[in-house]
């Protein structure tokens, strides 16, 4: 019905999603229900009131009863399990910059609780995102390697400074979301910053470690 109602009342299109109207609808129904039950209680007496209200509450419970909802178990990758135990002031940068990766990073952060370089609360990537050389060139390494030598040197220094400023402890590449060519370009670019350790975790993640556990310092 909402589909046809939107055609009649254009203002309903402003919310862009029917689910948003559910908040107003349920609030209105709650107020109406409270008034209706108050009115009904005044008119029913004794045993009759008990029977009617028992029946109504039974119907409400039946309506709210949901069928079993099957869920899939998501195993936390070994790297993130180990990350949970690490202490220190450092952040995590996960690549590539894709919505699918954001879903994983947001879920995993619930467990490891470390700061993320990418803000997951924004509706879309802002213009300032691409003004950051670190993110701009890691998003597409070809941009860096196509620069002239002088500009490449300048970009490198800007990226290195940003790594230090953001206290990046680990750069994590989700291998399933990058093709072989881009994976090689990312590897070549990230290694320019001299990571302390480079390794793969379970064949699904490539980890570049910049954080020094002994003194808790990050950077390249």
C-alpha atoms as a PDB file:
ATOM      1  CA  UNK A   1       0.000   0.000   0.000  1.00  0.00           C
ATOM      2  CA  UNK A   2       2.845   2.408   0.776  1.00  0.00           C
ATOM      3  CA  UNK A   3       4.071   2.140  -2.825  1.00  0.00           C
ATOM      4  CA  UNK A   4       0.771   3.510  -4.176  1.00  0.00           C
ATOM      5  CA  UNK A   5       0.405   5.983  -1.330  1.00  0.00           C
ATOM      6  CA  UNK A   6       3.720   7.588  -2.321  1.00  0.00           C
ATOM      7  CA  UNK A   7       2.318   8.205  -5.804  1.00  0.00           C
ATOM      8  CA  UNK A   8      -0.662  10.048  -4.337  1.00  0.00           C
ATOM      9  CA  UNK A   9       1.210  12.001  -1.642  1.00  0.00           C
ATOM     10  CA  UNK A  10       4.613  13.151  -3.016  1.00  0.00           C
ATOM     11  CA  UNK A  11       5.723  14.361   0.430  1.00  0.00           C
ATOM     12  CA  UNK A  12       6.141  10.737   1.471  1.00  0.00           C
ATOM     13  CA  UNK A  13       9.063  10.483  -0.954  1.00  0.00           C
ATOM     14  CA  UNK A  14      11.100  12.870   1.188  1.00  0.00           C
ATOM     15  CA  UNK A  15      12.111  10.123   3.615  1.00  0.00           C
ATOM     16  CA  UNK A  16      13.322   7.841   0.791  1.00  0.00           C
ATOM     17  CA  UNK A  17      12.715   4.691   2.877  1.00  0.00           C
ATOM     18  CA  UNK A  18       9.354   3.324   4.113  1.00  0.00           C
ATOM     19  CA  UNK A  19      10.975   1.976   7.289  1.00  0.00           C
ATOM     20  CA  UNK A  20      11.495   5.523   8.564  1.00  0.00           C
ATOM     21  CA  UNK A  21       7.762   6.060   8.696  1.00  0.00           C
ATOM     22  CA  UNK A  22       7.472   3.024  10.973  1.00  0.00           C
ATOM     23  CA  UNK A  23       8.767   5.116  13.891  1.00  0.00           C
ATOM     24  CA  UNK A  24       5.918   7.622  13.567  1.00  0.00           C
ATOM     25  CA  UNK A  25       3.398   4.860  12.827  1.00  0.00           C
ATOM     26  CA  UNK A  26       4.298   2.769  15.870  1.00  0.00           C
ATOM     27  CA  UNK A  27       4.269   5.830  18.122  1.00  0.00           C
ATOM     28  CA  UNK A  28       0.806   6.751  16.853  1.00  0.00           C
ATOM     29  CA  UNK A  29      -0.451   3.178  17.298  1.00  0.00           C
ATOM     30  CA  UNK A  30       0.961   3.069  20.841  1.00  0.00           C
ATOM     31  CA  UNK A  31      -0.927   6.245  21.822  1.00  0.00           C
ATOM     32  CA  UNK A  32      -4.089   4.944  20.166  1.00  0.00           C
ATOM     33  CA  UNK A  33      -3.762   1.551  21.879  1.00  0.00           C
ATOM     34  CA  UNK A  34      -3.308   3.139  25.305  1.00  0.00           C
ATOM     35  CA  UNK A  35      -6.454   5.189  24.787  1.00  0.00           C
ATOM     36  CA  UNK A  36      -8.391   2.204  23.478  1.00  0.00           C
ATOM     37  CA  UNK A  37      -7.434  -0.037  26.429  1.00  0.00           C
ATOM     38  CA  UNK A  38      -8.345   2.743  28.868  1.00  0.00           C
ATOM     39  CA  UNK A  39     -11.728   3.137  27.193  1.00  0.00           C
ATOM     40  CA  UNK A  40     -12.283  -0.643  27.167  1.00  0.00           C
ATOM     41  CA  UNK A  41     -11.336  -1.044  30.813  1.00  0.00           C
ATOM     42  CA  UNK A  42     -13.993   1.470  31.878  1.00  0.00           C
ATOM     43  CA  UNK A  43     -16.743  -0.447  30.066  1.00  0.00           C
ATOM     44  CA  UNK A  44     -15.884  -4.000  31.100  1.00  0.00           C
ATOM     45  CA  UNK A  45     -16.395  -5.295  34.599  1.00  0.00           C
ATOM     46  CA  UNK A  46     -15.490  -8.403  36.575  1.00  0.00           C
ATOM     47  CA  UNK A  47     -14.862 -11.732  34.865  1.00  0.00           C
ATOM     48  CA  UNK A  48     -15.689 -10.370  31.425  1.00  0.00           C
ATOM     49  CA  UNK A  49     -12.872  -7.806  31.640  1.00  0.00           C
ATOM     50  CA  UNK A  50     -10.373 -10.508  32.693  1.00  0.00           C
ATOM     51  CA  UNK A  51     -11.330 -12.747  29.759  1.00  0.00           C
ATOM     52  CA  UNK A  52     -11.231  -9.970  27.140  1.00  0.00           C
ATOM     53  CA  UNK A  53      -7.895  -8.544  28.312  1.00  0.00           C
ATOM     54  CA  UNK A  54      -6.353 -12.021  28.592  1.00  0.00           C
ATOM     55  CA  UNK A  55      -7.414 -12.708  25.010  1.00  0.00           C
ATOM     56  CA  UNK A  56      -6.054  -9.373  23.777  1.00  0.00           C
ATOM     57  CA  UNK A  57      -2.684  -9.823  25.493  1.00  0.00           C
ATOM     58  CA  UNK A  58      -2.504 -13.371  24.153  1.00  0.00           C
ATOM     59  CA  UNK A  59      -2.996 -12.044  20.626  1.00  0.00           C
ATOM     60  CA  UNK A  60      -0.290  -9.410  21.221  1.00  0.00           C
ATOM     61  CA  UNK A  61       2.182 -12.069  22.380  1.00  0.00           C
ATOM     62  CA  UNK A  62       1.302 -14.202  19.362  1.00  0.00           C
ATOM     63  CA  UNK A  63       1.947 -11.240  17.055  1.00  0.00           C
ATOM     64  CA  UNK A  64       5.323 -10.499  18.647  1.00  0.00           C
ATOM     65  CA  UNK A  65       6.417 -14.127  18.575  1.00  0.00           C
ATOM     66  CA  UNK A  66       8.994 -14.532  15.814  1.00  0.00           C
ATOM     67  CA  UNK A  67       9.927 -17.635  13.899  1.00  0.00           C
ATOM     68  CA  UNK A  68      13.452 -18.955  14.601  1.00  0.00           C
ATOM     69  CA  UNK A  69      15.982 -16.760  12.818  1.00  0.00           C
ATOM     70  CA  UNK A  70      18.958 -18.639  11.459  1.00  0.00           C
ATOM     71  CA  UNK A  71      22.276 -16.818  11.735  1.00  0.00           C
ATOM     72  CA  UNK A  72      25.718 -17.605  10.384  1.00  0.00           C
ATOM     73  CA  UNK A  73      28.711 -17.830  12.648  1.00  0.00           C
ATOM     74  CA  UNK A  74      31.470 -15.360  11.743  1.00  0.00           C
ATOM     75  CA  UNK A  75      34.871 -16.507  12.900  1.00  0.00           C
ATOM     76  CA  UNK A  76      37.209 -13.739  13.996  1.00  0.00           C
ATOM     77  CA  UNK A  77      40.444 -13.939  11.954  1.00  0.00           C
ATOM     78  CA  UNK A  78      43.521 -14.904  13.955  1.00  0.00           C
ATOM     79  CA  UNK A  79      45.128 -11.484  13.401  1.00  0.00           C
ATOM     80  CA  UNK A  80      42.211  -9.685  15.050  1.00  0.00           C
ATOM     81  CA  UNK A  81      42.176 -12.191  17.906  1.00  0.00           C
ATOM     82  CA  UNK A  82      45.825 -11.349  18.600  1.00  0.00           C
ATOM     83  CA  UNK A  83      45.132  -7.633  18.148  1.00  0.00           C
ATOM     84  CA  UNK A  84      42.629  -7.784  21.014  1.00  0.00           C
ATOM     85  CA  UNK A  85      45.481  -8.577  23.398  1.00  0.00           C
ATOM     86  CA  UNK A  86      47.837  -5.804  22.280  1.00  0.00           C
ATOM     87  CA  UNK A  87      48.063  -2.627  24.292  1.00  0.00           C
ATOM     88  CA  UNK A  88      49.365   0.728  23.160  1.00  0.00           C
ATOM     89  CA  UNK A  89      48.312   3.863  21.343  1.00  0.00           C
ATOM     90  CA  UNK A  90      48.091   3.068  17.637  1.00  0.00           C
ATOM     91  CA  UNK A  91      45.496   2.951  14.858  1.00  0.00           C
ATOM     92  CA  UNK A  92      44.534   0.536  12.120  1.00  0.00           C
ATOM     93  CA  UNK A  93      44.328   1.275   8.390  1.00  0.00           C
ATOM     94  CA  UNK A  94      42.461  -1.344   6.356  1.00  0.00           C
ATOM     95  CA  UNK A  95      42.447  -1.559   2.564  1.00  0.00           C
ATOM     96  CA  UNK A  96      40.976  -1.284  -0.001  1.00  0.00           C
ATOM     97  CA  UNK A  97      38.508   1.534   0.598  1.00  0.00           C
ATOM     98  CA  UNK A  98      35.322  -0.346  -0.282  1.00  0.00           C
ATOM     99  CA  UNK A  99      31.931  -0.691   1.471  1.00  0.00           C
ATOM    100  CA  UNK A 100      32.460  -4.453   1.817  1.00  0.00           C
ATOM    101  CA  UNK A 101      35.708  -3.857   3.688  1.00  0.00           C
ATOM    102  CA  UNK A 102      34.050  -1.228   5.893  1.00  0.00           C
ATOM    103  CA  UNK A 103      31.506  -3.854   6.999  1.00  0.00           C
ATOM    104  CA  UNK A 104      34.272  -6.183   8.115  1.00  0.00           C
ATOM    105  CA  UNK A 105      36.351  -3.484   9.778  1.00  0.00           C
ATOM    106  CA  UNK A 106      33.366  -2.115  11.677  1.00  0.00           C
ATOM    107  CA  UNK A 107      32.441  -5.591  12.919  1.00  0.00           C
ATOM    108  CA  UNK A 108      35.995  -6.538  13.908  1.00  0.00           C
ATOM    109  CA  UNK A 109      36.493  -3.262  15.776  1.00  0.00           C
ATOM    110  CA  UNK A 110      33.821  -4.392  18.238  1.00  0.00           C
ATOM    111  CA  UNK A 111      36.351  -6.960  19.396  1.00  0.00           C
ATOM    112  CA  UNK A 112      39.784  -5.339  19.074  1.00  0.00           C
ATOM    113  CA  UNK A 113      38.595  -1.807  20.074  1.00  0.00           C
ATOM    114  CA  UNK A 114      41.519  -0.035  18.363  1.00  0.00           C
ATOM    115  CA  UNK A 115      41.051   3.315  16.566  1.00  0.00           C
ATOM    116  CA  UNK A 116      40.456   3.174  12.814  1.00  0.00           C
ATOM    117  CA  UNK A 117      41.938   5.635  10.332  1.00  0.00           C
ATOM    118  CA  UNK A 118      38.733   5.575   8.253  1.00  0.00           C
ATOM    119  CA  UNK A 119      35.614   7.126   9.760  1.00  0.00           C
ATOM    120  CA  UNK A 120      32.814   4.565   9.437  1.00  0.00           C
ATOM    121  CA  UNK A 121      30.068   6.871  10.719  1.00  0.00           C
ATOM    122  CA  UNK A 122      29.865   9.112   7.632  1.00  0.00           C
ATOM    123  CA  UNK A 123      27.152   8.428   5.043  1.00  0.00           C
ATOM    124  CA  UNK A 124      29.631   8.923   2.225  1.00  0.00           C
ATOM    125  CA  UNK A 125      33.276   9.765   1.756  1.00  0.00           C
ATOM    126  CA  UNK A 126      33.760  13.498   2.056  1.00  0.00           C
ATOM    127  CA  UNK A 127      35.868  15.634  -0.271  1.00  0.00           C
ATOM    128  CA  UNK A 128      38.499  16.027   2.462  1.00  0.00           C
ATOM    129  CA  UNK A 129      39.161  12.282   2.217  1.00  0.00           C
ATOM    130  CA  UNK A 130      40.826  12.687  -1.153  1.00  0.00           C
ATOM    131  CA  UNK A 131      42.838  15.682   0.037  1.00  0.00           C
ATOM    132  CA  UNK A 132      44.801  13.367   2.331  1.00  0.00           C
ATOM    133  CA  UNK A 133      47.833  12.094   0.336  1.00  0.00           C
ATOM    134  CA  UNK A 134      48.048   8.912   2.423  1.00  0.00           C
ATOM    135  CA  UNK A 135      44.502   7.850   1.606  1.00  0.00           C
ATOM    136  CA  UNK A 136      44.532   9.253  -1.922  1.00  0.00           C
ATOM    137  CA  UNK A 137      47.535   7.203  -3.043  1.00  0.00           C
ATOM    138  CA  UNK A 138      46.739   4.047  -1.083  1.00  0.00           C
ATOM    139  CA  UNK A 139      43.307   4.039  -2.682  1.00  0.00           C
ATOM    140  CA  UNK A 140      44.943   3.794  -6.109  1.00  0.00           C
ATOM    141  CA  UNK A 141      48.755   3.239  -6.005  1.00  0.00           C
ATOM    142  CA  UNK A 142      49.057   3.983  -9.728  1.00  0.00           C
ATOM    143  CA  UNK A 143      48.513   7.644  -8.895  1.00  0.00           C
ATOM    144  CA  UNK A 144      51.736   7.638  -6.893  1.00  0.00           C
ATOM    145  CA  UNK A 145      53.890   5.714  -9.353  1.00  0.00           C
ATOM    146  CA  UNK A 146      52.823   7.940 -12.259  1.00  0.00           C
ATOM    147  CA  UNK A 147      54.122  11.074 -10.540  1.00  0.00           C
ATOM    148  CA  UNK A 148      57.276  12.860 -11.650  1.00  0.00           C
ATOM    149  CA  UNK A 149      60.296  12.200  -9.398  1.00  0.00           C
ATOM    150  CA  UNK A 150      60.096  15.521  -7.537  1.00  0.00           C
ATOM    151  CA  UNK A 151      56.350  15.279  -6.947  1.00  0.00           C
ATOM    152  CA  UNK A 152      56.720  11.621  -5.968  1.00  0.00           C
ATOM    153  CA  UNK A 153      59.278  12.569  -3.327  1.00  0.00           C
ATOM    154  CA  UNK A 154      56.985  15.279  -1.995  1.00  0.00           C
ATOM    155  CA  UNK A 155      54.021  12.889  -1.899  1.00  0.00           C
ATOM    156  CA  UNK A 156      56.115  10.287  -0.086  1.00  0.00           C
ATOM    157  CA  UNK A 157      57.092  12.747   2.638  1.00  0.00           C
ATOM    158  CA  UNK A 158      53.472  13.827   3.059  1.00  0.00           C
ATOM    159  CA  UNK A 159      52.313  10.231   3.362  1.00  0.00           C
ATOM    160  CA  UNK A 160      55.057   9.390   5.843  1.00  0.00           C
ATOM    161  CA  UNK A 161      54.142  12.388   7.985  1.00  0.00           C
ATOM    162  CA  UNK A 162      50.502  11.326   7.904  1.00  0.00           C
ATOM    163  CA  UNK A 163      51.397   7.796   8.988  1.00  0.00           C
ATOM    164  CA  UNK A 164      53.159   9.241  12.015  1.00  0.00           C
ATOM    165  CA  UNK A 165      50.437  11.767  12.792  1.00  0.00           C
ATOM    166  CA  UNK A 166      47.726   9.119  12.722  1.00  0.00           C
ATOM    167  CA  UNK A 167      49.924   6.681  14.687  1.00  0.00           C
ATOM    168  CA  UNK A 168      49.260   3.909  12.196  1.00  0.00           C
ATOM    169  CA  UNK A 169      50.345   0.652  13.802  1.00  0.00           C
ATOM    170  CA  UNK A 170      49.129  -1.758  11.143  1.00  0.00           C
ATOM    171  CA  UNK A 171      48.054  -1.569   7.524  1.00  0.00           C
ATOM    172  CA  UNK A 172      45.810  -4.506   6.647  1.00  0.00           C
ATOM    173  CA  UNK A 173      44.957  -5.493   3.072  1.00  0.00           C
ATOM    174  CA  UNK A 174      41.890  -7.689   2.513  1.00  0.00           C
ATOM    175  CA  UNK A 175      43.222  -9.843  -0.318  1.00  0.00           C
ATOM    176  CA  UNK A 176      39.857 -11.031  -1.605  1.00  0.00           C
ATOM    177  CA  UNK A 177      38.915  -7.466  -2.553  1.00  0.00           C
ATOM    178  CA  UNK A 178      42.016  -6.597  -4.617  1.00  0.00           C
ATOM    179  CA  UNK A 179      43.218  -8.147  -7.845  1.00  0.00           C
ATOM    180  CA  UNK A 180      46.762  -9.429  -8.245  1.00  0.00           C
ATOM    181  CA  UNK A 181      48.039  -6.303 -10.015  1.00  0.00           C
ATOM    182  CA  UNK A 182      46.715  -3.902  -7.392  1.00  0.00           C
ATOM    183  CA  UNK A 183      47.974  -6.137  -4.587  1.00  0.00           C
ATOM    184  CA  UNK A 184      51.490  -5.895  -6.028  1.00  0.00           C
ATOM    185  CA  UNK A 185      51.261  -2.118  -6.406  1.00  0.00           C
ATOM    186  CA  UNK A 186      50.000  -1.715  -2.845  1.00  0.00           C
ATOM    187  CA  UNK A 187      52.784  -3.949  -1.584  1.00  0.00           C
ATOM    188  CA  UNK A 188      55.418  -1.928  -3.424  1.00  0.00           C
ATOM    189  CA  UNK A 189      54.037   1.369  -2.135  1.00  0.00           C
ATOM    190  CA  UNK A 190      53.598   0.317   1.497  1.00  0.00           C
ATOM    191  CA  UNK A 191      57.075  -1.240   1.656  1.00  0.00           C
ATOM    192  CA  UNK A 192      58.551   2.184   0.872  1.00  0.00           C
ATOM    193  CA  UNK A 193      57.716   3.110   4.479  1.00  0.00           C
ATOM    194  CA  UNK A 194      59.848   0.263   5.849  1.00  0.00           C
ATOM    195  CA  UNK A 195      57.331  -1.800   7.823  1.00  0.00           C
ATOM    196  CA  UNK A 196      58.887  -3.800  10.636  1.00  0.00           C
ATOM    197  CA  UNK A 197      57.152  -6.978   9.539  1.00  0.00           C
ATOM    198  CA  UNK A 198      55.122  -8.147   6.529  1.00  0.00           C
ATOM    199  CA  UNK A 199      53.136 -11.364   6.645  1.00  0.00           C
ATOM    200  CA  UNK A 200      49.890 -13.020   5.622  1.00  0.00           C
ATOM    201  CA  UNK A 201      47.218 -14.226   8.024  1.00  0.00           C
ATOM    202  CA  UNK A 202      45.217 -17.311   7.027  1.00  0.00           C
ATOM    203  CA  UNK A 203      45.599 -16.379   3.355  1.00  0.00           C
ATOM    204  CA  UNK A 204      42.916 -13.698   3.631  1.00  0.00           C
ATOM    205  CA  UNK A 205      44.829 -10.733   5.056  1.00  0.00           C
ATOM    206  CA  UNK A 206      48.197  -9.199   4.321  1.00  0.00           C
ATOM    207  CA  UNK A 207      49.588  -7.404   7.353  1.00  0.00           C
ATOM    208  CA  UNK A 208      52.139  -4.576   7.404  1.00  0.00           C
ATOM    209  CA  UNK A 209      53.296  -3.911  10.939  1.00  0.00           C
ATOM    210  CA  UNK A 210      54.668  -0.469  11.851  1.00  0.00           C
ATOM    211  CA  UNK A 211      54.051  -0.473  15.594  1.00  0.00           C
ATOM    212  CA  UNK A 212      56.897  -1.181  17.996  1.00  0.00           C
ATOM    213  CA  UNK A 213      55.520  -3.184  20.915  1.00  0.00           C
ATOM    214  CA  UNK A 214      58.405  -2.457  23.271  1.00  0.00           C
ATOM    215  CA  UNK A 215      57.850   1.295  23.367  1.00  0.00           C
ATOM    216  CA  UNK A 216      54.398   1.552  21.764  1.00  0.00           C
ATOM    217  CA  UNK A 217      55.556   3.894  19.005  1.00  0.00           C
ATOM    218  CA  UNK A 218      54.079   3.876  15.518  1.00  0.00           C
ATOM    219  CA  UNK A 219      55.166   5.206  12.172  1.00  0.00           C
ATOM    220  CA  UNK A 220      57.243   4.236   9.204  1.00  0.00           C
END
